[in-house]
Amino acid sequence: MIDSYDFGEIVIDGRRYFRDLILFPERVESGWWRREGHNLSVEDLEEVLKEKPEILIVGTGYAGLMKVSKEVRDRVKALGIELIVQRTEEACRTYNNLIQSGRKVVAALHLTC
């Protein structure tokens, strides 16, 4: 469960993180780095796609500056994964709501910008 989020900081199950991360059902992968910083590519999500979640939530940052490429959108759709792209604050709320419903959700969250 995401306890809180603010620019550059997220608290998950009582633990603070200060770097972008991927939140899997059973673990947190902190220090998530993208090939092109504010442009999300399929390569950046390889581990997520192997996990085959029902839903992938992408948090695009505090101000929403990270862009999700058409290639990512097409690949995720082709795999039958629902994609939700939102500013990170809203993405955190969406994640909490969806995991409470018992669905397999992964969130890739950019914490700044």
C-alpha atoms as a PDB file:
ATOM      1  CA  MET A   1       0.000   0.000   0.000  1.00  0.00           C
ATOM      2  CA  ILE A   2       1.250   3.490  -0.808  1.00  0.00           C
ATOM      3  CA  ASP A   3       1.078   5.523   2.382  1.00  0.00           C
ATOM      4  CA  SER A   4       1.979   8.905   0.883  1.00  0.00           C
ATOM      5  CA  TYR A   5       3.611  10.677  -2.041  1.00  0.00           C
ATOM      6  CA  ASP A   6       5.116  14.113  -2.462  1.00  0.00           C
ATOM      7  CA  PHE A   7       7.642  15.509  -4.934  1.00  0.00           C
ATOM      8  CA  GLY A   8      10.690  13.231  -4.806  1.00  0.00           C
ATOM      9  CA  GLU A   9       9.449  11.037  -1.951  1.00  0.00           C
ATOM     10  CA  ILE A  10       7.082   8.112  -1.606  1.00  0.00           C
ATOM     11  CA  VAL A  11       6.239   6.003   1.433  1.00  0.00           C
ATOM     12  CA  ILE A  12       5.230   2.389   0.812  1.00  0.00           C
ATOM     13  CA  ASP A  13       4.244   0.178   3.738  1.00  0.00           C
ATOM     14  CA  GLY A  14       6.032   2.580   6.089  1.00  0.00           C
ATOM     15  CA  ARG A  15       9.311   2.668   4.135  1.00  0.00           C
ATOM     16  CA  ARG A  16      10.512   5.882   2.450  1.00  0.00           C
ATOM     17  CA  TYR A  17      11.913   5.928  -1.083  1.00  0.00           C
ATOM     18  CA  PHE A  18      13.580   8.862  -2.821  1.00  0.00           C
ATOM     19  CA  ARG A  19      14.228   7.397  -6.269  1.00  0.00           C
ATOM     20  CA  ASP A  20      11.914   6.363  -9.096  1.00  0.00           C
ATOM     21  CA  LEU A  21      10.632   2.847  -8.605  1.00  0.00           C
ATOM     22  CA  ILE A  22       8.540  -0.024  -9.824  1.00  0.00           C
ATOM     23  CA  LEU A  23       6.027  -1.400  -7.365  1.00  0.00           C
ATOM     24  CA  PHE A  24       5.377  -5.089  -8.016  1.00  0.00           C
ATOM     25  CA  PRO A  25       2.795  -7.146  -6.092  1.00  0.00           C
ATOM     26  CA  GLU A  26       5.469  -8.687  -3.839  1.00  0.00           C
ATOM     27  CA  ARG A  27       8.397  -6.242  -4.016  1.00  0.00           C
ATOM     28  CA  VAL A  28       9.628  -2.721  -4.696  1.00  0.00           C
ATOM     29  CA  GLU A  29      12.391  -2.134  -7.226  1.00  0.00           C
ATOM     30  CA  SER A  30      13.896   1.216  -6.252  1.00  0.00           C
ATOM     31  CA  GLY A  31      16.288   3.143  -8.478  1.00  0.00           C
ATOM     32  CA  TRP A  32      14.299   2.533 -11.663  1.00  0.00           C
ATOM     33  CA  TRP A  33      16.085   4.335 -14.473  1.00  0.00           C
ATOM     34  CA  ARG A  34      14.877   4.959 -17.984  1.00  0.00           C
ATOM     35  CA  ARG A  35      17.023   4.933 -21.101  1.00  0.00           C
ATOM     36  CA  GLU A  36      15.910   8.458 -22.013  1.00  0.00           C
ATOM     37  CA  GLY A  37      14.934   9.975 -18.669  1.00  0.00           C
ATOM     38  CA  HIS A  38      11.550  11.577 -19.360  1.00  0.00           C
ATOM     39  CA  ASN A  39      10.645   9.338 -22.308  1.00  0.00           C
ATOM     40  CA  LEU A  40       9.372   5.900 -21.385  1.00  0.00           C
ATOM     41  CA  SER A  41      10.345   3.109 -23.794  1.00  0.00           C
ATOM     42  CA  VAL A  42       9.516  -0.597 -23.976  1.00  0.00           C
ATOM     43  CA  GLU A  43      13.080  -1.409 -22.835  1.00  0.00           C
ATOM     44  CA  ASP A  44      12.402   0.443 -19.582  1.00  0.00           C
ATOM     45  CA  LEU A  45       9.533  -1.930 -18.797  1.00  0.00           C
ATOM     46  CA  GLU A  46      11.019  -5.317 -19.744  1.00  0.00           C
ATOM     47  CA  GLU A  47      10.822  -6.692 -16.193  1.00  0.00           C
ATOM     48  CA  VAL A  48       7.260  -5.401 -15.787  1.00  0.00           C
ATOM     49  CA  LEU A  49       6.114  -7.022 -19.023  1.00  0.00           C
ATOM     50  CA  LYS A  50       7.613 -10.371 -17.925  1.00  0.00           C
ATOM     51  CA  GLU A  51       5.497 -10.109 -14.758  1.00  0.00           C
ATOM     52  CA  LYS A  52       2.321  -9.920 -16.911  1.00  0.00           C
ATOM     53  CA  PRO A  53       0.154  -7.793 -14.632  1.00  0.00           C
ATOM     54  CA  GLU A  54      -3.513  -7.209 -15.362  1.00  0.00           C
ATOM     55  CA  ILE A  55      -2.905  -3.483 -15.046  1.00  0.00           C
ATOM     56  CA  LEU A  56       0.176  -1.300 -15.434  1.00  0.00           C
ATOM     57  CA  ILE A  57      -0.011   2.142 -13.876  1.00  0.00           C
ATOM     58  CA  VAL A  58       2.581   4.669 -15.021  1.00  0.00           C
ATOM     59  CA  GLY A  59       3.097   7.693 -12.789  1.00  0.00           C
ATOM     60  CA  THR A  60       4.477  10.431 -15.028  1.00  0.00           C
ATOM     61  CA  GLY A  61       5.845  12.627 -12.243  1.00  0.00           C
ATOM     62  CA  TYR A  62       4.648  15.421 -10.004  1.00  0.00           C
ATOM     63  CA  ALA A  63       3.984  17.720 -12.974  1.00  0.00           C
ATOM     64  CA  GLY A  64       3.445  14.897 -15.482  1.00  0.00           C
ATOM     65  CA  LEU A  65       6.568  15.549 -17.569  1.00  0.00           C
ATOM     66  CA  MET A  66       7.452  11.922 -18.361  1.00  0.00           C
ATOM     67  CA  LYS A  67       6.052  10.873 -21.737  1.00  0.00           C
ATOM     68  CA  VAL A  68       4.812   7.381 -22.617  1.00  0.00           C
ATOM     69  CA  SER A  69       5.668   6.467 -26.197  1.00  0.00           C
ATOM     70  CA  LYS A  70       3.195   5.040 -28.694  1.00  0.00           C
ATOM     71  CA  GLU A  71       5.466   1.987 -28.853  1.00  0.00           C
ATOM     72  CA  VAL A  72       4.913   1.382 -25.118  1.00  0.00           C
ATOM     73  CA  ARG A  73       1.161   1.880 -25.419  1.00  0.00           C
ATOM     74  CA  ASP A  74       0.964  -0.522 -28.387  1.00  0.00           C
ATOM     75  CA  ARG A  75       3.151  -3.202 -26.767  1.00  0.00           C
ATOM     76  CA  VAL A  76       1.249  -3.139 -23.477  1.00  0.00           C
ATOM     77  CA  LYS A  77      -2.082  -3.354 -25.300  1.00  0.00           C
ATOM     78  CA  ALA A  78      -0.822  -6.243 -27.481  1.00  0.00           C
ATOM     79  CA  LEU A  79       0.007  -8.172 -24.292  1.00  0.00           C
ATOM     80  CA  GLY A  80      -3.526  -7.652 -22.976  1.00  0.00           C
ATOM     81  CA  ILE A  81      -2.392  -5.413 -20.127  1.00  0.00           C
ATOM     82  CA  GLU A  82      -4.550  -2.427 -19.218  1.00  0.00           C
ATOM     83  CA  LEU A  83      -2.434   0.747 -19.172  1.00  0.00           C
ATOM     84  CA  ILE A  84      -3.231   3.704 -16.941  1.00  0.00           C
ATOM     85  CA  VAL A  85      -1.069   6.818 -17.357  1.00  0.00           C
ATOM     86  CA  GLN A  86      -1.460   9.559 -14.743  1.00  0.00           C
ATOM     87  CA  ARG A  87       0.524  12.115 -12.816  1.00  0.00           C
ATOM     88  CA  THR A  88       2.191  10.284  -9.956  1.00  0.00           C
ATOM     89  CA  GLU A  89      -0.038  11.667  -7.196  1.00  0.00           C
ATOM     90  CA  GLU A  90      -3.164  10.409  -8.949  1.00  0.00           C
ATOM     91  CA  ALA A  91      -1.418   7.163  -9.962  1.00  0.00           C
ATOM     92  CA  CYS A  92      -0.743   6.427  -6.283  1.00  0.00           C
ATOM     93  CA  ARG A  93      -4.427   6.785  -5.423  1.00  0.00           C
ATOM     94  CA  THR A  94      -5.410   4.622  -8.380  1.00  0.00           C
ATOM     95  CA  TYR A  95      -2.890   1.949  -7.356  1.00  0.00           C
ATOM     96  CA  ASN A  96      -4.232   1.791  -3.799  1.00  0.00           C
ATOM     97  CA  ASN A  97      -7.820   1.498  -5.037  1.00  0.00           C
ATOM     98  CA  LEU A  98      -7.001  -1.250  -7.524  1.00  0.00           C
ATOM     99  CA  ILE A  99      -4.920  -3.434  -5.197  1.00  0.00           C
ATOM    100  CA  GLN A 100      -7.754  -3.385  -2.677  1.00  0.00           C
ATOM    101  CA  SER A 101      -9.928  -4.984  -5.354  1.00  0.00           C
ATOM    102  CA  GLY A 102      -7.506  -7.912  -5.572  1.00  0.00           C
ATOM    103  CA  ARG A 103      -6.267  -7.250  -9.104  1.00  0.00           C
ATOM    104  CA  LYS A 104      -2.653  -7.881 -10.169  1.00  0.00           C
ATOM    105  CA  VAL A 105      -1.277  -4.367 -10.527  1.00  0.00           C
ATOM    106  CA  VAL A 106       2.215  -3.030 -11.160  1.00  0.00           C
ATOM    107  CA  ALA A 107       3.066   0.662 -10.838  1.00  0.00           C
ATOM    108  CA  ALA A 108       6.070   2.334 -12.484  1.00  0.00           C
ATOM    109  CA  LEU A 109       6.448   5.674 -10.734  1.00  0.00           C
ATOM    110  CA  HIS A 110       8.518   8.737 -11.597  1.00  0.00           C
ATOM    111  CA  LEU A 111       8.805  10.716  -8.361  1.00  0.00           C
ATOM    112  CA  THR A 112      10.007  14.125  -9.538  1.00  0.00           C
ATOM    113  CA  CYS A 113       9.255  16.473 -12.453  1.00  0.00           C
END
